[in-house]
Amino acid sequence: MAVTITDAAARHVASQLESRGRGLGVRLGVTTSGCSGMAYVLEFVDEPAPEDSVFEAHGVKVFVDPKSLVYLEGTELDFEREGLNEGLVFRNPNVSAECGCGESFTV
């Protein structure tokens, strides 16, 4: 399995990278946080770590460190607009519960 990125998310990330003026892609990871135990971390990547797994789709690279990949295997990164809200959405098949605010999850 892998981490995938939809065309909509890739367009959004590519636009952000272009506005930023540099970057190879984005790093998707997890950290211990929130009321449910884990939270997603997303940051720009200027230089990959040697141990990163790299997933590429629609011209955008997603870098994932080995410790996070255990929790992110099979995750789809998407971009959605709903009313006045828009943002990246993580569809993670490993999640067993999410907190009410949607900021953290349990696997």
C-alpha atoms as a PDB file:
ATOM      1  CA  MET A   1       0.000   0.000   0.000  1.00  0.00           C
ATOM      2  CA  ALA A   2       0.959   3.621  -0.168  1.00  0.00           C
ATOM      3  CA  VAL A   3      -0.029   7.151   0.678  1.00  0.00           C
ATOM      4  CA  THR A   4      -1.944   8.728  -2.212  1.00  0.00           C
ATOM      5  CA  ILE A   5      -2.836  12.272  -3.176  1.00  0.00           C
ATOM      6  CA  THR A   6      -5.856  13.252  -5.249  1.00  0.00           C
ATOM      7  CA  ASP A   7      -5.662  15.588  -8.208  1.00  0.00           C
ATOM      8  CA  ALA A   8      -7.422  18.338  -6.200  1.00  0.00           C
ATOM      9  CA  ALA A   9      -4.937  18.025  -3.316  1.00  0.00           C
ATOM     10  CA  ALA A  10      -1.995  17.939  -5.734  1.00  0.00           C
ATOM     11  CA  ARG A  11      -3.181  21.159  -7.411  1.00  0.00           C
ATOM     12  CA  HIS A  12      -3.524  22.826  -4.000  1.00  0.00           C
ATOM     13  CA  VAL A  13      -0.081  21.680  -2.807  1.00  0.00           C
ATOM     14  CA  ALA A  14       1.546  22.663  -6.132  1.00  0.00           C
ATOM     15  CA  SER A  15      -0.026  26.124  -5.842  1.00  0.00           C
ATOM     16  CA  GLN A  16       1.291  26.512  -2.281  1.00  0.00           C
ATOM     17  CA  LEU A  17       4.775  25.393  -3.344  1.00  0.00           C
ATOM     18  CA  GLU A  18       4.710  27.844  -6.240  1.00  0.00           C
ATOM     19  CA  SER A  19       3.642  30.705  -3.939  1.00  0.00           C
ATOM     20  CA  ARG A  20       6.396  29.725  -1.514  1.00  0.00           C
ATOM     21  CA  GLY A  21       8.960  29.758  -4.315  1.00  0.00           C
ATOM     22  CA  ARG A  22      10.729  26.551  -3.340  1.00  0.00           C
ATOM     23  CA  GLY A  23      10.186  23.032  -2.069  1.00  0.00           C
ATOM     24  CA  LEU A  24      10.238  19.459  -3.299  1.00  0.00           C
ATOM     25  CA  GLY A  25       6.831  18.517  -1.892  1.00  0.00           C
ATOM     26  CA  VAL A  26       5.165  18.030   1.477  1.00  0.00           C
ATOM     27  CA  ARG A  27       5.908  15.816   4.454  1.00  0.00           C
ATOM     28  CA  LEU A  28       2.944  14.026   6.004  1.00  0.00           C
ATOM     29  CA  GLY A  29       3.500  12.670   9.477  1.00  0.00           C
ATOM     30  CA  VAL A  30       1.844  12.041  12.809  1.00  0.00           C
ATOM     31  CA  THR A  31       2.609  13.252  16.291  1.00  0.00           C
ATOM     32  CA  THR A  32       1.268  12.460  19.729  1.00  0.00           C
ATOM     33  CA  SER A  33      -1.236  15.203  20.438  1.00  0.00           C
ATOM     34  CA  GLY A  34      -4.856  16.130  20.943  1.00  0.00           C
ATOM     35  CA  CYS A  35      -7.634  14.533  22.895  1.00  0.00           C
ATOM     36  CA  SER A  36      -7.646  11.321  20.808  1.00  0.00           C
ATOM     37  CA  GLY A  37      -3.902  10.682  20.954  1.00  0.00           C
ATOM     38  CA  MET A  38      -2.491  11.449  17.496  1.00  0.00           C
ATOM     39  CA  ALA A  39      -2.562  14.382  15.078  1.00  0.00           C
ATOM     40  CA  TYR A  40      -1.445  14.885  11.501  1.00  0.00           C
ATOM     41  CA  VAL A  41       1.588  17.034  10.740  1.00  0.00           C
ATOM     42  CA  LEU A  42       2.005  18.560   7.298  1.00  0.00           C
ATOM     43  CA  GLU A  43       5.014  20.657   6.310  1.00  0.00           C
ATOM     44  CA  PHE A  44       6.955  21.670   3.227  1.00  0.00           C
ATOM     45  CA  VAL A  45      10.020  19.625   2.295  1.00  0.00           C
ATOM     46  CA  ASP A  46      13.094  21.415   0.997  1.00  0.00           C
ATOM     47  CA  GLU A  47      15.437  18.502   1.595  1.00  0.00           C
ATOM     48  CA  PRO A  48      14.264  14.908   2.073  1.00  0.00           C
ATOM     49  CA  ALA A  49      15.558  12.679   4.829  1.00  0.00           C
ATOM     50  CA  PRO A  50      17.330   9.528   3.607  1.00  0.00           C
ATOM     51  CA  GLU A  51      14.838   7.252   5.391  1.00  0.00           C
ATOM     52  CA  ASP A  52      11.731   8.903   3.880  1.00  0.00           C
ATOM     53  CA  SER A  53       9.297   6.974   1.727  1.00  0.00           C
ATOM     54  CA  VAL A  54       8.288   9.093  -1.255  1.00  0.00           C
ATOM     55  CA  PHE A  55       4.912   8.839  -2.974  1.00  0.00           C
ATOM     56  CA  GLU A  56       4.283  10.858  -6.113  1.00  0.00           C
ATOM     57  CA  ALA A  57       1.062  11.563  -7.984  1.00  0.00           C
ATOM     58  CA  HIS A  58      -0.110  14.335 -10.275  1.00  0.00           C
ATOM     59  CA  GLY A  59       3.370  15.889 -10.180  1.00  0.00           C
ATOM     60  CA  VAL A  60       3.468  16.289  -6.371  1.00  0.00           C
ATOM     61  CA  LYS A  61       5.643  14.353  -3.932  1.00  0.00           C
ATOM     62  CA  VAL A  62       4.517  13.301  -0.461  1.00  0.00           C
ATOM     63  CA  PHE A  63       7.321  12.351   1.932  1.00  0.00           C
ATOM     64  CA  VAL A  64       6.609  10.110   4.937  1.00  0.00           C
ATOM     65  CA  ASP A  65       9.030   9.077   7.677  1.00  0.00           C
ATOM     66  CA  PRO A  66       9.112   5.370   8.659  1.00  0.00           C
ATOM     67  CA  LYS A  67       7.542   5.848  12.113  1.00  0.00           C
ATOM     68  CA  SER A  68       4.579   7.759  10.670  1.00  0.00           C
ATOM     69  CA  LEU A  69       4.101   5.381   7.738  1.00  0.00           C
ATOM     70  CA  VAL A  70       2.894   2.676  10.129  1.00  0.00           C
ATOM     71  CA  TYR A  71      -0.112   4.897  10.985  1.00  0.00           C
ATOM     72  CA  LEU A  72      -0.553   6.413   7.511  1.00  0.00           C
ATOM     73  CA  GLU A  73      -0.416   3.328   5.284  1.00  0.00           C
ATOM     74  CA  GLY A  74      -3.305   3.569   2.820  1.00  0.00           C
ATOM     75  CA  THR A  75      -4.103   7.228   3.585  1.00  0.00           C
ATOM     76  CA  GLU A  76      -5.490   9.433   0.818  1.00  0.00           C
ATOM     77  CA  LEU A  77      -4.727  13.155   0.965  1.00  0.00           C
ATOM     78  CA  ASP A  78      -7.557  15.168  -0.615  1.00  0.00           C
ATOM     79  CA  PHE A  79      -8.600  18.816  -0.855  1.00  0.00           C
ATOM     80  CA  GLU A  80     -12.229  19.786  -0.305  1.00  0.00           C
ATOM     81  CA  ARG A  81     -14.323  22.925  -0.435  1.00  0.00           C
ATOM     82  CA  GLU A  82     -17.554  22.989   1.536  1.00  0.00           C
ATOM     83  CA  GLY A  83     -19.359  26.288   1.745  1.00  0.00           C
ATOM     84  CA  LEU A  84     -16.896  28.866   3.013  1.00  0.00           C
ATOM     85  CA  ASN A  85     -14.495  26.206   4.316  1.00  0.00           C
ATOM     86  CA  GLU A  86     -11.709  24.585   2.356  1.00  0.00           C
ATOM     87  CA  GLY A  87      -8.736  22.484   3.282  1.00  0.00           C
ATOM     88  CA  LEU A  88      -6.810  19.256   3.089  1.00  0.00           C
ATOM     89  CA  VAL A  89      -8.622  16.127   4.214  1.00  0.00           C
ATOM     90  CA  PHE A  90      -6.958  12.918   5.397  1.00  0.00           C
ATOM     91  CA  ARG A  91      -8.806   9.694   4.567  1.00  0.00           C
ATOM     92  CA  ASN A  92      -6.962   7.228   6.757  1.00  0.00           C
ATOM     93  CA  PRO A  93      -8.276   3.649   6.840  1.00  0.00           C
ATOM     94  CA  ASN A  94      -6.327   2.976  10.055  1.00  0.00           C
ATOM     95  CA  VAL A  95      -8.320   5.468  12.160  1.00  0.00           C
ATOM     96  CA  SER A  96     -10.598   3.813  14.698  1.00  0.00           C
ATOM     97  CA  ALA A  97     -11.901   7.037  16.319  1.00  0.00           C
ATOM     98  CA  GLU A  98     -11.643  10.809  15.951  1.00  0.00           C
ATOM     99  CA  CYS A  99     -12.173  13.579  18.457  1.00  0.00           C
ATOM    100  CA  GLY A 100     -15.208  15.812  18.088  1.00  0.00           C
ATOM    101  CA  CYS A 101     -13.243  18.753  16.700  1.00  0.00           C
ATOM    102  CA  GLY A 102     -11.551  16.568  14.066  1.00  0.00           C
ATOM    103  CA  GLU A 103      -8.026  17.582  15.055  1.00  0.00           C
ATOM    104  CA  SER A 104      -6.848  14.245  16.437  1.00  0.00           C
ATOM    105  CA  PHE A 105      -7.453  10.543  15.993  1.00  0.00           C
ATOM    106  CA  THR A 106      -6.853   7.064  17.408  1.00  0.00           C
ATOM    107  CA  VAL A 107      -5.604   4.033  15.474  1.00  0.00           C
END
